[in-house]
Protein backbone atom coordinates (compact mmCIF):
# COMPACT_ATOMS: atom_id res chain seq x y z
CA MET A 1 80.16 63.69 -53.79
CA THR A 2 76.89 65.33 -52.83
CA GLU A 3 76.92 68.96 -51.71
CA SER A 4 74.50 71.11 -49.75
CA ILE A 5 72.48 73.33 -52.07
CA ALA A 6 70.80 76.72 -51.90
CA LYS A 7 67.13 76.99 -50.96
CA TYR A 8 66.01 77.83 -54.53
CA LEU A 9 67.70 74.66 -55.81
CA LEU A 10 66.13 72.57 -53.05
CA GLU A 11 62.72 73.98 -54.00
CA ASN A 12 63.29 72.85 -57.59
CA VAL A 13 64.34 69.36 -56.46
CA ALA A 14 61.15 69.20 -54.38
CA LEU A 15 59.01 70.11 -57.41
CA LEU A 16 60.73 67.51 -59.59
CA PHE A 17 60.45 64.86 -56.86
CA ALA A 18 56.77 65.61 -56.22
CA GLU A 19 55.98 65.11 -59.88
CA LYS A 20 58.32 62.28 -60.91
CA ARG A 21 59.53 60.65 -57.65
CA TYR A 22 62.44 58.47 -58.82
CA SER A 23 61.26 58.13 -62.44
CA SER A 24 63.37 59.50 -65.25
CA PHE A 25 62.42 62.73 -66.99
CA THR A 26 63.62 64.79 -69.93
CA HIS A 27 64.66 68.42 -70.13
CA LEU A 28 61.29 69.25 -71.73
CA GLU A 29 59.42 67.56 -68.89
CA ALA A 30 61.50 69.52 -66.37
CA ILE A 31 60.57 72.78 -68.15
CA SER A 32 56.91 71.88 -67.76
CA ILE A 33 57.28 70.83 -64.11
CA LEU A 34 59.30 73.86 -63.05
CA GLY A 35 57.41 76.35 -65.22
CA LYS A 36 60.63 78.12 -66.22
CA SER A 37 62.37 78.86 -69.51
CA GLY A 38 64.51 76.25 -71.22
CA ASN A 39 67.75 78.10 -70.49
CA TYR A 40 66.91 78.59 -66.80
CA THR A 41 65.82 74.95 -66.45
CA GLY A 42 69.02 73.77 -68.14
CA ALA A 43 71.10 75.82 -65.71
CA ILE A 44 69.16 74.43 -62.73
CA LEU A 45 69.49 70.83 -63.94
CA GLY A 46 73.23 71.31 -64.48
CA LYS A 47 73.71 72.67 -60.95
CA LEU A 48 71.70 69.81 -59.46
CA VAL A 49 73.70 67.20 -61.39
CA ARG A 50 77.04 68.78 -60.39
CA SER A 51 76.00 68.97 -56.74
CA GLY A 52 74.92 65.30 -56.74
CA TRP A 53 71.15 65.71 -56.31
CA LEU A 54 70.25 64.49 -59.84
CA GLU A 55 71.63 61.72 -62.01
CA LYS A 56 72.03 62.26 -65.75
CA LYS A 57 72.06 59.51 -68.37
CA THR A 58 72.52 59.56 -72.12
CA PRO A 59 70.45 56.52 -73.17
CA ASP A 60 71.00 56.88 -76.92
CA PRO A 61 74.68 56.36 -77.78
CA TYR A 62 74.07 57.86 -81.26
CA ASP A 63 72.50 61.09 -80.03
CA LYS A 64 74.34 62.56 -77.04
CA ARG A 65 71.95 65.56 -76.99
CA LYS A 66 69.15 63.44 -75.54
CA LYS A 67 69.50 63.14 -71.80
CA LEU A 68 67.42 61.65 -69.03
CA TYR A 69 67.49 62.95 -65.49
CA ARG A 70 66.43 61.31 -62.24
CA VAL A 71 66.32 62.50 -58.64
CA ARG A 72 68.86 60.51 -56.66
CA PRO A 73 67.50 58.58 -53.69
CA LEU A 74 67.04 61.23 -51.03
CA GLU A 75 68.22 58.94 -48.22
CA GLU A 76 71.59 58.49 -49.97
CA THR A 77 71.88 62.18 -50.79
CA LEU A 78 71.19 63.33 -47.23
CA PHE A 79 73.44 60.63 -45.77
CA GLU A 80 76.33 61.78 -47.97
CA ILE A 81 75.83 65.41 -46.95
CA GLY A 82 75.73 64.46 -43.28
CA ARG A 83 78.94 62.45 -43.54
CA SER A 84 80.80 65.15 -45.47
CA GLU A 85 80.03 67.79 -42.84
CA GLU A 86 81.35 65.76 -39.88
């Protein structure tokens, strides 16, 4: 289920979306886009995945450390938030 998020998280989603739209990106790419440290970026990505704003995939079954992220379709995300707050 998608949850409402704090303004600072929404700003990070906006930066990721502006750069990648709905294309997949890695943790290293997110560091570059957000201009933050690796630890901070990892924390942000984790919060966005848990709140339903990002999707996370592990494309290599032999190396679970490699992950790809993608911004979920914003229409779906906003629709889910609107329905959950009724």
